[in-house]
Amino acid sequence: MTRYLLLALLAFAGGAAATADVTLELDAAERDWLAGNRSVSICVDPDWLPFEMLNARGEHEGIAADLLRLVAQRAGLQLDIVATSDWGQSMAFSQAGRCQLLSFLNQTPVRDTWLIFTQPLFTDANVVIAREDHPYVADLSALDDVTVALPVGTSVEESVRRDFPRLRVISTDTDAQALALVNERKADLTVRSLTVAAYTIRREGWFNLKIAGQLTSLDNQFRIGVLKSEPVLRDILDKAIATITPGELNQIANRHAPIRVESGTDYRLVVQIVVVFSVMLLTSLFWIGRLRRLNEQLQVKSQTDPLTGLANRAALDRRFARALEQARRYSRPLSIVMLDIDHFKSINDEFGHQMGDRVLKEFADLLVSGLRGSDAVGRWGGEEFLLLCPETSSQQAVAFAERLCEQSRALSFSTGQTQTLSAGVAELNATDTVDSLLRRADAALYRAKHEGRDRVCCHAPDEQAS
C-alpha cells in the first residue's frame, strides 16, 4: 500500500516549475468555450501554508498556487484571484457563484451539492497529531470523551463529525490554531495534513507534538472544485491536469515541502490467514514501527534546512549551546565562523531565484566537503552560514575560513561566474554567552564586507561588538 511521507522541509520560495509547451486535444465545445472565456475566477485559502496563501500584495503562493498556474497555463487560461479573508469566506463565495473555481480541496458529499470536481492534482496523508505523552491511535472510533481540534469548513471536519460522533470537535479558523490547542493541552488531538502539520510544527517550534496515528481512509485527494454550471471548464482542466508529469509535480512540491512516495508491505492477505492473536500482534507491531518512522522523519524535517539540506537555525542553536557548554566545562577552545555569499542579491536579480537556490546548494556542498570531524555547519538565514569549530583557536579558524574562501574562488558555479565569500571569526572568551559570541562574529563579518568583501576578519576576544 502506498503512503505519502514527508522526507525533508523545503525551499519555501514561490514560482512555478519550468515546463515544456503542451498542446491539449480539445473538442469543438471546449475550443468554443475557451474562445469566449480566457480568464476564470478562483477562490483560494488565504492562509494555508505550505499549500497556499495570499501574500501582502494579494499574490497566490504555495504548492497549490504553482500547480494551479501550471494547469491554467496548459489550458490557455488566466486565473483571476478573488481575495477573501479566510477559507470559510472562500467557501461562501463559491456557493454564491462569485468564483468559478475553488482551489485545492477534497471532494465531499456536502461540496457535491454545488461543485463538480477535477481529477486529483496532489495526494497527501492525513495524520493524528497529539502531544508526545499520548498513546498511538489506531482507530478514532475506539476513542471516547476525546476532544479534537479541527479547522472549520474542512473535509476532515465534515468526515469526523459524520463518522466519529463520539468525538468532541473544537472548531478553529486555521490549521495553526488547531495545532496550538493541542500544544497547549486545550484539545487532545487534531487530524491534519502531514505536509501542513510538519511545516507548522517546525515554524512554531512545537517539538513536543508527535504523529500519533494515520487515517488512510481520510487521505487527501486535492482537486479543483468547479461550479456545476461549468462542466466544459471542468473537462478542459482535467485534460490539462493529465499532462502534468511526476517530475513536474515533484519539482513544484520540492520548492515548498519535499515529498517522496514510499511503498510498504501490504499485510491484508496475511491477516486473513492468521489467528486473531497474530492479527492483533502484527497490527500493533506495524503501527508502532510505522509511527516511530514517521516521528523520526518529522524530527529530521524540523531540524533541516529544506533547500540546502544543512542544519537549520533551530538545530544550530541546540548544537551551539552544547558546544559552548562543553568548551567551558573542559576549558577547551571554541571558535565560530559566520560566512556570507558576496553580492548574492545580484545573482537573484540577474539569473533568477532558481539559480540563486542552486548557488546556495553549491555553497552548502562546498562547506560540507571542507568540514573536519568535530565541526558543524548550518544555514543561519538567507545567504548566511554558520560554522561551529570546537577545539579550534581563532587563528586556526581564520586559516580554515581562508581556505574556504580560496575554494569558493576556484569553484565552477552554475552561474558561470566566480562567487566569493566574506567571513567573520570569533573565539569564545571567559565572559561570552551564545549571543555575545554571535555578535562578535557578526561584527567581524560586517568589517569584512565593509573592507571590500572576499576576505576573513577576526573579532579579538577583548574587542566590544558594536
Protein backbone atom coordinates (compact mmCIF):
# COMPACT_ATOMS: atom_id res chain seq x y z
CA MET A 1 0.00 0.00 0.00
CA THR A 2 1.19 3.45 -0.83
CA ARG A 3 1.91 6.05 1.85
CA TYR A 4 2.97 9.63 1.35
CA LEU A 5 5.68 10.64 3.84
CA LEU A 6 7.49 13.94 4.22
CA LEU A 7 11.21 13.47 3.60
CA ALA A 8 12.64 16.94 4.32
CA LEU A 9 11.33 20.52 4.57
CA LEU A 10 11.83 22.62 1.78
CA ALA A 11 12.54 25.56 -0.09
CA PHE A 12 9.74 27.98 0.60
CA ALA A 13 10.40 30.24 -2.35
CA GLY A 14 7.48 30.63 -4.78
CA GLY A 15 7.38 30.24 -8.54
CA ALA A 16 6.03 27.65 -10.96
CA ALA A 17 8.19 24.90 -12.37
CA ALA A 18 9.65 25.39 -15.81
CA THR A 19 7.81 23.17 -18.24
CA ALA A 20 7.73 22.35 -21.90
CA ASP A 21 4.90 23.59 -24.10
CA VAL A 22 1.96 21.20 -24.20
CA THR A 23 -0.95 21.24 -26.65
CA LEU A 24 -4.27 19.84 -25.40
CA GLU A 25 -6.54 17.83 -27.67
CA LEU A 26 -9.82 19.72 -27.27
CA ASP A 27 -13.16 19.00 -28.84
CA ALA A 28 -15.28 21.65 -30.58
CA ALA A 29 -17.28 22.54 -27.44
CA GLU A 30 -14.10 23.02 -25.42
CA ARG A 31 -12.49 25.17 -28.12
CA ASP A 32 -15.62 27.32 -28.31
CA TRP A 33 -15.66 27.72 -24.53
CA LEU A 34 -12.04 28.89 -24.49
CA ALA A 35 -12.67 31.27 -27.37
CA GLY A 36 -15.18 33.14 -25.23
CA ASN A 37 -13.53 32.74 -21.82
CA ARG A 38 -9.83 33.48 -21.48
CA SER A 39 -9.92 34.07 -17.73
CA VAL A 40 -11.65 32.34 -14.82
CA SER A 41 -12.22 33.49 -11.25
CA ILE A 42 -10.91 31.37 -8.38
CA CYS A 43 -11.26 31.45 -4.60
CA VAL A 44 -8.35 30.11 -2.52
CA ASP A 45 -7.40 29.61 1.11
CA PRO A 46 -5.52 32.82 2.03
CA ASP A 47 -3.70 31.22 5.00
CA TRP A 48 -2.77 27.54 4.45
CA LEU A 49 0.99 27.22 4.03
CA PRO A 50 2.79 25.43 2.59
CA PHE A 51 -0.11 24.66 0.24
CA GLU A 52 -1.31 28.19 -0.41
CA MET A 53 -1.64 31.73 0.87
CA LEU A 54 -2.27 35.27 -0.34
CA ASN A 55 0.74 37.44 0.44
CA ALA A 56 0.65 41.13 1.36
CA ARG A 57 0.39 42.05 -2.33
CA GLY A 58 -2.54 39.69 -2.85
CA GLU A 59 -0.40 37.20 -4.81
CA HIS A 60 -1.15 33.48 -4.63
CA GLU A 61 1.81 31.44 -3.29
CA GLY A 62 2.50 27.81 -2.34
CA ILE A 63 2.25 24.30 -3.76
CA ALA A 64 -1.36 24.76 -4.84
CA ALA A 65 -0.61 28.14 -6.40
CA ASP A 66 2.21 26.76 -8.55
CA LEU A 67 0.18 23.71 -9.60
CA LEU A 68 -2.89 25.77 -10.45
CA ARG A 69 -0.83 28.21 -12.52
CA LEU A 70 0.68 25.28 -14.42
CA VAL A 71 -2.77 23.79 -15.09
CA ALA A 72 -4.10 27.18 -16.22
CA GLN A 73 -1.08 27.69 -18.48
CA ARG A 74 -1.64 24.31 -20.12
CA ALA A 75 -5.35 25.08 -20.56
CA GLY A 76 -4.67 28.55 -22.00
CA LEU A 77 -6.44 30.31 -19.14
CA GLN A 78 -5.74 33.26 -16.87
CA LEU A 79 -6.61 32.82 -13.17
CA ASP A 80 -8.26 35.83 -11.51
CA ILE A 81 -7.88 35.54 -7.73
CA VAL A 82 -10.93 36.57 -5.69
CA ALA A 83 -9.49 37.82 -2.40
CA THR A 84 -11.16 36.52 0.77
CA SER A 85 -10.39 36.82 4.47
CA ASP A 86 -10.33 33.07 5.23
CA TRP A 87 -11.32 29.64 3.90
CA GLY A 88 -14.84 29.97 5.25
CA GLN A 89 -15.42 33.07 3.17
CA SER A 90 -13.90 31.36 0.12
CA MET A 91 -16.41 28.52 0.55
CA ALA A 92 -19.26 31.02 0.94
CA PHE A 93 -18.18 32.95 -2.17
CA SER A 94 -18.01 29.69 -4.14
CA GLN A 95 -21.51 28.66 -3.04
CA ALA A 96 -22.78 32.10 -4.05
CA GLY A 97 -21.25 31.72 -7.51
CA ARG A 98 -18.77 34.56 -7.04
CA CYS A 99 -15.85 32.39 -8.17
CA GLN A 100 -15.95 29.73 -10.87
CA LEU A 101 -13.22 27.63 -9.26
CA LEU A 102 -12.40 26.64 -5.68
CA SER A 103 -8.76 25.82 -5.04
CA PHE A 104 -7.17 22.56 -3.86
CA LEU A 105 -9.83 20.72 -1.87
CA ASN A 106 -11.18 17.24 -1.22
CA GLN A 107 -14.44 16.08 -2.75
CA THR A 108 -17.19 15.53 -0.15
CA PRO A 109 -20.95 14.94 -0.25
CA VAL A 110 -21.63 18.46 1.04
CA ARG A 111 -19.43 20.05 -1.61
CA ASP A 112 -21.03 17.87 -4.29
CA THR A 113 -24.20 19.89 -3.84
CA TRP A 114 -22.77 22.86 -5.76
CA LEU A 115 -19.44 21.72 -7.24
CA ILE A 116 -18.13 19.21 -9.73
CA PHE A 117 -14.50 18.11 -9.34
CA THR A 118 -11.44 17.55 -11.46
CA GLN A 119 -9.12 14.61 -11.16
CA PRO A 120 -6.73 14.87 -8.18
CA LEU A 121 -3.73 17.19 -8.54
CA PHE A 122 -1.98 16.16 -5.32
CA THR A 123 -2.25 13.37 -2.75
CA ASP A 124 -1.26 13.79 0.90
CA ALA A 125 -1.70 11.74 4.08
CA ASN A 126 -3.86 12.90 7.00
CA VAL A 127 -2.32 12.07 10.38
CA VAL A 128 -3.36 12.28 14.00
CA ILE A 129 -1.27 14.83 15.91
CA ALA A 130 -1.06 14.65 19.72
CA ARG A 131 1.32 15.59 22.49
CA GLU A 132 4.33 13.33 22.97
CA ASP A 133 2.84 11.58 26.02
CA HIS A 134 -0.31 10.45 24.16
CA PRO A 135 -0.56 6.76 23.14
CA TYR A 136 -0.77 5.92 19.46
CA VAL A 137 -4.22 6.00 17.86
CA ALA A 138 -5.06 3.02 15.66
CA ASP A 139 -8.78 3.81 15.33
CA LEU A 140 -10.60 7.04 16.11
CA SER A 141 -13.85 5.14 16.65
CA ALA A 142 -12.31 3.47 19.71
CA LEU A 143 -11.87 6.82 21.46
CA ASP A 144 -14.43 8.25 23.84
CA ASP A 145 -14.68 11.65 25.52
CA VAL A 146 -11.74 12.95 23.48
CA THR A 147 -11.52 16.50 22.11
CA VAL A 148 -10.34 17.01 18.53
CA ALA A 149 -9.42 20.47 17.24
CA LEU A 150 -10.31 20.89 13.55
CA PRO A 151 -10.43 23.90 11.21
CA VAL A 152 -13.99 24.77 10.29
CA GLY A 153 -15.18 24.10 6.76
CA THR A 154 -12.58 21.41 6.01
CA SER A 155 -13.28 17.96 4.62
CA VAL A 156 -11.72 16.36 7.70
CA GLU A 157 -14.11 18.25 9.98
CA GLU A 158 -17.02 17.08 7.85
CA SER A 159 -15.79 13.45 7.92
CA VAL A 160 -15.00 13.37 11.65
CA ARG A 161 -18.37 14.84 12.62
CA ARG A 162 -20.13 12.31 10.40
CA ASP A 163 -18.06 9.17 11.07
CA PHE A 164 -16.94 9.65 14.69
CA PRO A 165 -19.85 11.26 16.54
CA ARG A 166 -18.44 10.37 19.99
CA LEU A 167 -15.51 12.73 19.49
CA ARG A 168 -15.95 16.29 20.72
CA VAL A 169 -14.93 18.68 17.94
CA ILE A 170 -13.44 22.09 18.79
CA SER A 171 -13.67 24.37 15.75
CA THR A 172 -10.80 26.66 14.76
CA ASP A 173 -10.19 29.06 11.91
CA THR A 174 -6.78 27.69 10.84
CA ASP A 175 -4.53 24.63 10.99
CA ALA A 176 -2.09 26.51 13.21
CA GLN A 177 -4.83 27.26 15.74
CA ALA A 178 -5.82 23.57 15.84
CA LEU A 179 -2.23 22.52 16.48
CA ALA A 180 -1.81 25.26 19.08
CA LEU A 181 -4.78 23.95 21.07
CA VAL A 182 -3.17 20.50 21.20
CA ASN A 183 0.17 22.02 22.14
CA GLU A 184 -1.49 23.98 24.97
CA ARG A 185 -3.46 20.90 26.20
CA LYS A 186 -6.75 22.58 25.32
CA ALA A 187 -7.52 19.72 22.93
CA ASP A 188 -6.38 16.09 22.92
CA LEU A 189 -5.85 15.62 19.19
CA THR A 190 -6.06 17.15 15.77
CA VAL A 191 -6.22 15.43 12.40
CA ARG A 192 -4.35 17.34 9.72
CA SER A 193 -2.35 17.00 6.54
CA LEU A 194 1.13 15.63 7.23
CA THR A 195 2.61 18.33 5.00
CA VAL A 196 0.88 21.16 6.85
CA ALA A 197 1.48 19.64 10.29
CA ALA A 198 5.23 19.23 9.73
CA TYR A 199 5.53 22.74 8.31
CA THR A 200 3.62 24.36 11.18
CA ILE A 201 5.37 22.36 13.94
CA ARG A 202 8.75 23.37 12.56
CA ARG A 203 7.77 27.02 12.10
CA GLU A 204 6.32 27.36 15.61
CA GLY A 205 8.85 25.14 17.39
CA TRP A 206 6.17 22.82 18.87
CA PHE A 207 8.51 19.82 19.09
CA ASN A 208 6.51 18.27 21.95
CA LEU A 209 3.89 17.28 19.36
CA LYS A 210 4.10 13.97 17.54
CA ILE A 211 2.34 11.86 14.94
CA ALA A 212 0.07 9.54 16.93
CA GLY A 213 -1.63 7.74 14.05
CA GLN A 214 -2.50 7.79 10.36
CA LEU A 215 -6.01 7.68 8.89
CA THR A 216 -5.71 6.11 5.46
CA SER A 217 -9.48 6.40 4.96
CA LEU A 218 -9.11 10.19 5.15
CA ASP A 219 -6.09 10.65 2.89
CA ASN A 220 -6.29 13.90 0.96
CA GLN A 221 -7.04 13.83 -2.76
CA PHE A 222 -6.75 17.53 -3.58
CA ARG A 223 -8.77 18.57 -6.63
CA ILE A 224 -10.13 21.74 -8.23
CA GLY A 225 -13.78 22.41 -7.46
CA VAL A 226 -15.74 23.79 -10.42
CA LEU A 227 -19.23 25.28 -10.34
CA LYS A 228 -21.81 22.80 -11.62
CA SER A 229 -22.76 25.31 -14.29
CA GLU A 230 -19.29 24.92 -15.89
CA PRO A 231 -18.90 21.24 -16.93
CA VAL A 232 -16.92 22.14 -20.07
CA LEU A 233 -14.43 24.10 -17.96
CA ARG A 234 -14.00 21.08 -15.70
CA ASP A 235 -13.29 18.86 -18.73
CA ILE A 236 -10.66 21.30 -20.04
CA LEU A 237 -8.95 21.40 -16.65
CA ASP A 238 -8.94 17.59 -16.46
CA LYS A 239 -7.10 17.42 -19.77
CA ALA A 240 -4.55 19.95 -18.53
CA ILE A 241 -4.07 18.04 -15.26
CA ALA A 242 -3.45 14.83 -17.19
CA THR A 243 -0.38 16.42 -18.85
CA ILE A 244 1.42 17.11 -15.56
CA THR A 245 4.27 14.64 -15.15
CA PRO A 246 5.54 13.21 -11.84
CA GLY A 247 8.77 15.14 -12.37
CA GLU A 248 6.91 18.44 -12.70
CA LEU A 249 4.81 17.64 -9.63
CA ASN A 250 7.92 16.81 -7.60
CA GLN A 251 9.70 19.96 -8.77
CA ILE A 252 6.83 22.12 -7.55
CA ALA A 253 6.38 20.23 -4.28
CA ASN A 254 10.10 20.32 -3.54
CA ARG A 255 10.12 24.11 -3.68
CA HIS A 256 7.77 24.19 -0.70
CA ALA A 257 7.74 20.85 1.17
CA PRO A 258 9.69 17.98 -0.42
CA ILE A 259 7.71 14.76 -0.58
CA ARG A 260 8.52 11.29 -1.75
CA VAL A 261 6.35 8.23 -2.21
CA GLU A 262 7.33 5.25 -0.09
CA SER A 263 5.94 1.75 -0.63
CA GLY A 264 5.40 -0.50 2.37
CA THR A 265 4.21 -4.06 2.87
CA ASP A 266 0.52 -4.79 2.47
CA TYR A 267 -0.47 -7.09 5.37
CA ARG A 268 -4.10 -7.57 4.31
CA LEU A 269 -3.51 -11.02 2.78
CA VAL A 270 -1.52 -12.11 5.83
CA VAL A 271 -4.14 -11.15 8.39
CA GLN A 272 -6.78 -13.15 6.54
CA ILE A 273 -4.99 -16.45 7.29
CA VAL A 274 -3.60 -15.97 10.78
CA VAL A 275 -5.36 -16.42 14.08
CA VAL A 276 -6.88 -13.48 15.92
CA PHE A 277 -3.98 -13.18 18.35
CA SER A 278 -1.48 -12.97 15.49
CA VAL A 279 -3.59 -10.34 13.76
CA MET A 280 -3.52 -8.17 16.86
CA LEU A 281 0.22 -8.66 17.33
CA LEU A 282 1.12 -7.90 13.73
CA THR A 283 -1.13 -4.86 13.64
CA SER A 284 0.41 -3.46 16.81
CA LEU A 285 3.96 -4.04 15.57
CA PHE A 286 3.13 -2.47 12.22
CA TRP A 287 1.70 0.69 13.78
CA ILE A 288 4.44 1.03 16.38
CA GLY A 289 7.14 0.74 13.72
CA ARG A 290 5.35 3.00 11.29
CA LEU A 291 4.70 5.70 13.85
CA ARG A 292 8.31 5.54 15.01
CA ARG A 293 9.47 6.09 11.42
CA LEU A 294 7.01 8.92 10.89
CA ASN A 295 8.14 10.67 14.05
CA GLU A 296 11.81 10.16 13.18
CA GLN A 297 11.18 11.75 9.79
CA LEU A 298 9.26 14.61 11.39
CA GLN A 299 12.16 15.22 13.78
CA VAL A 300 14.67 15.26 10.92
CA LYS A 301 12.50 17.65 8.93
CA SER A 302 12.15 20.01 11.89
CA GLN A 303 15.96 20.32 12.16
CA THR A 304 16.90 20.53 8.48
CA ASP A 305 17.05 23.48 6.10
CA PRO A 306 14.86 22.32 3.19
CA LEU A 307 16.89 23.97 0.43
CA THR A 308 20.49 23.09 1.32
CA GLY A 309 19.99 20.00 3.48
CA LEU A 310 22.13 21.57 6.21
CA ALA A 311 21.11 22.05 9.84
CA ASN A 312 18.59 24.87 10.21
CA ARG A 313 18.64 27.74 12.69
CA ALA A 314 16.84 25.77 15.43
CA ALA A 315 19.23 22.81 15.14
CA LEU A 316 22.25 25.12 15.13
CA ASP A 317 21.01 26.83 18.30
CA ARG A 318 20.94 23.48 20.12
CA ARG A 319 24.34 22.37 18.84
CA PHE A 320 25.84 25.77 19.65
CA ALA A 321 24.59 25.62 23.26
CA ARG A 322 26.06 22.11 23.71
CA ALA A 323 29.39 23.09 22.15
CA LEU A 324 29.69 26.16 24.38
CA GLU A 325 28.84 24.14 27.49
CA GLN A 326 31.49 21.51 26.69
CA ALA A 327 34.12 24.14 25.90
CA ARG A 328 33.54 25.81 29.26
CA ARG A 329 33.39 22.56 31.22
CA TYR A 330 36.69 21.25 29.87
CA SER A 331 38.37 24.66 29.31
CA ARG A 332 38.80 23.98 25.61
CA PRO A 333 38.86 26.47 22.70
CA LEU A 334 35.77 27.08 20.58
CA SER A 335 35.54 29.34 17.55
CA ILE A 336 32.71 30.17 15.19
CA VAL A 337 32.79 31.41 11.61
CA MET A 338 29.97 33.47 10.13
CA LEU A 339 30.01 33.23 6.31
CA ASP A 340 28.09 35.32 3.78
CA ILE A 341 27.93 34.97 -0.02
CA ASP A 342 29.09 38.23 -1.58
CA HIS A 343 26.67 40.11 -3.86
CA PHE A 344 24.08 37.34 -3.61
CA LYS A 345 21.22 39.70 -4.48
CA SER A 346 22.78 40.29 -7.89
CA ILE A 347 22.61 36.55 -8.58
CA ASN A 348 18.84 36.55 -7.99
CA ASP A 349 18.40 39.78 -9.96
CA GLU A 350 20.47 38.65 -12.95
CA PHE A 351 19.75 34.92 -13.12
CA GLY A 352 16.51 34.48 -11.13
CA HIS A 353 15.68 32.85 -7.80
CA GLN A 354 16.01 29.29 -9.09
CA MET A 355 19.64 29.97 -9.95
CA GLY A 356 20.06 31.64 -6.56
CA ASP A 357 18.77 28.47 -4.91
CA ARG A 358 21.23 26.40 -6.94
CA VAL A 359 24.15 28.60 -5.87
CA LEU A 360 23.11 28.25 -2.21
CA LYS A 361 23.16 24.46 -2.58
CA GLU A 362 26.58 24.59 -4.23
CA PHE A 363 27.94 26.72 -1.38
CA ALA A 364 26.45 24.27 1.12
CA ASP A 365 28.21 21.37 -0.63
CA LEU A 366 31.47 23.32 -0.56
CA LEU A 367 31.17 23.90 3.19
CA VAL A 368 30.28 20.28 3.96
CA SER A 369 33.24 18.99 1.91
CA GLY A 370 35.60 21.13 3.99
CA LEU A 371 34.37 20.11 7.45
CA ARG A 372 36.55 18.34 9.98
CA GLY A 373 35.13 15.59 12.17
CA SER A 374 34.05 17.78 15.09
CA ASP A 375 32.80 20.77 13.07
CA ALA A 376 29.16 21.56 12.38
CA VAL A 377 27.67 23.80 9.71
CA GLY A 378 24.18 25.13 9.11
CA ARG A 379 22.25 27.76 7.21
CA TRP A 380 21.85 30.73 9.51
CA GLY A 381 19.45 32.60 7.25
CA GLY A 382 19.28 33.88 3.66
CA GLU A 383 22.79 33.58 2.21
CA GLU A 384 24.49 33.36 5.63
CA PHE A 385 26.02 30.17 7.03
CA LEU A 386 27.44 29.42 10.49
CA LEU A 387 30.35 27.09 11.25
CA LEU A 388 30.87 25.74 14.77
CA CYS A 389 34.53 24.79 15.31
CA PRO A 390 35.24 23.03 18.64
CA GLU A 391 38.89 22.56 19.68
CA THR A 392 39.78 25.46 17.38
CA SER A 393 41.52 28.74 18.19
CA SER A 394 40.72 31.96 16.37
CA GLN A 395 43.96 31.68 14.36
CA GLN A 396 43.07 28.16 13.25
CA ALA A 397 39.51 29.24 12.41
CA VAL A 398 40.84 32.15 10.32
CA ALA A 399 43.08 29.76 8.37
CA PHE A 400 40.12 27.41 7.88
CA ALA A 401 37.86 30.23 6.65
CA GLU A 402 40.55 31.50 4.26
CA ARG A 403 40.79 28.01 2.73
CA LEU A 404 37.02 28.06 2.17
CA CYS A 405 37.31 31.47 0.50
CA GLU A 406 40.03 30.10 -1.79
CA GLN A 407 37.92 27.08 -2.66
CA SER A 408 34.95 29.33 -3.43
CA ARG A 409 37.04 31.43 -5.84
CA ALA A 410 38.16 28.26 -7.62
CA LEU A 411 34.76 26.56 -7.75
CA SER A 412 32.84 26.44 -11.02
CA PHE A 413 29.36 27.68 -10.08
CA SER A 414 26.25 27.24 -12.22
CA THR A 415 26.20 30.98 -12.94
CA GLY A 416 29.45 30.64 -14.88
CA GLN A 417 30.84 33.41 -12.70
CA THR A 418 33.22 33.50 -9.76
CA GLN A 419 31.44 33.68 -6.41
CA THR A 420 33.24 34.88 -3.31
CA LEU A 421 32.72 34.64 0.44
CA SER A 422 33.16 37.05 3.31
CA ALA A 423 33.77 35.60 6.77
CA GLY A 424 33.80 36.77 10.36
CA VAL A 425 35.60 34.75 13.06
CA ALA A 426 35.26 34.94 16.85
CA GLU A 427 36.72 32.75 19.61
CA LEU A 428 34.94 32.06 22.89
CA ASN A 429 36.25 34.06 25.85
CA ALA A 430 35.64 33.74 29.59
CA THR A 431 32.61 36.03 29.66
CA ASP A 432 30.94 35.09 26.36
CA THR A 433 27.41 33.84 26.01
CA VAL A 434 26.00 32.36 22.81
CA ASP A 435 24.56 35.76 21.91
CA SER A 436 27.73 37.75 22.63
CA LEU A 437 29.91 35.30 20.66
CA LEU A 438 27.50 35.56 17.72
CA ARG A 439 27.55 39.36 17.93
CA ARG A 440 31.33 39.39 17.77
CA ALA A 441 31.42 37.06 14.77
CA ASP A 442 28.76 39.15 13.08
CA ALA A 443 30.75 42.33 13.75
CA ALA A 444 33.82 40.71 12.17
CA LEU A 445 31.73 39.70 9.14
CA TYR A 446 30.44 43.26 8.83
CA ARG A 447 34.01 44.52 8.84
CA ALA A 448 34.97 42.04 6.12
CA LYS A 449 32.10 43.30 4.00
CA HIS A 450 32.96 46.94 4.70
CA GLU A 451 36.63 46.43 3.80
CA GLY A 452 35.83 45.11 0.33
CA ARG A 453 34.46 41.56 0.71
CA ASP A 454 36.19 38.30 -0.30
CA ARG A 455 38.16 38.23 2.95
CA VAL A 456 38.22 36.96 6.52
CA CYS A 457 38.17 39.23 9.56
CA CYS A 458 38.59 38.15 13.18
CA HIS A 459 37.00 39.79 16.22
CA ALA A 460 39.52 39.69 19.06
CA PRO A 461 38.17 38.44 22.44
CA ASP A 462 38.75 41.80 24.14
CA GLU A 463 37.00 43.87 21.44
CA GLN A 464 33.45 45.11 22.01
CA ALA A 465 30.93 44.25 19.31
CA SER A 466 29.04 47.26 18.11
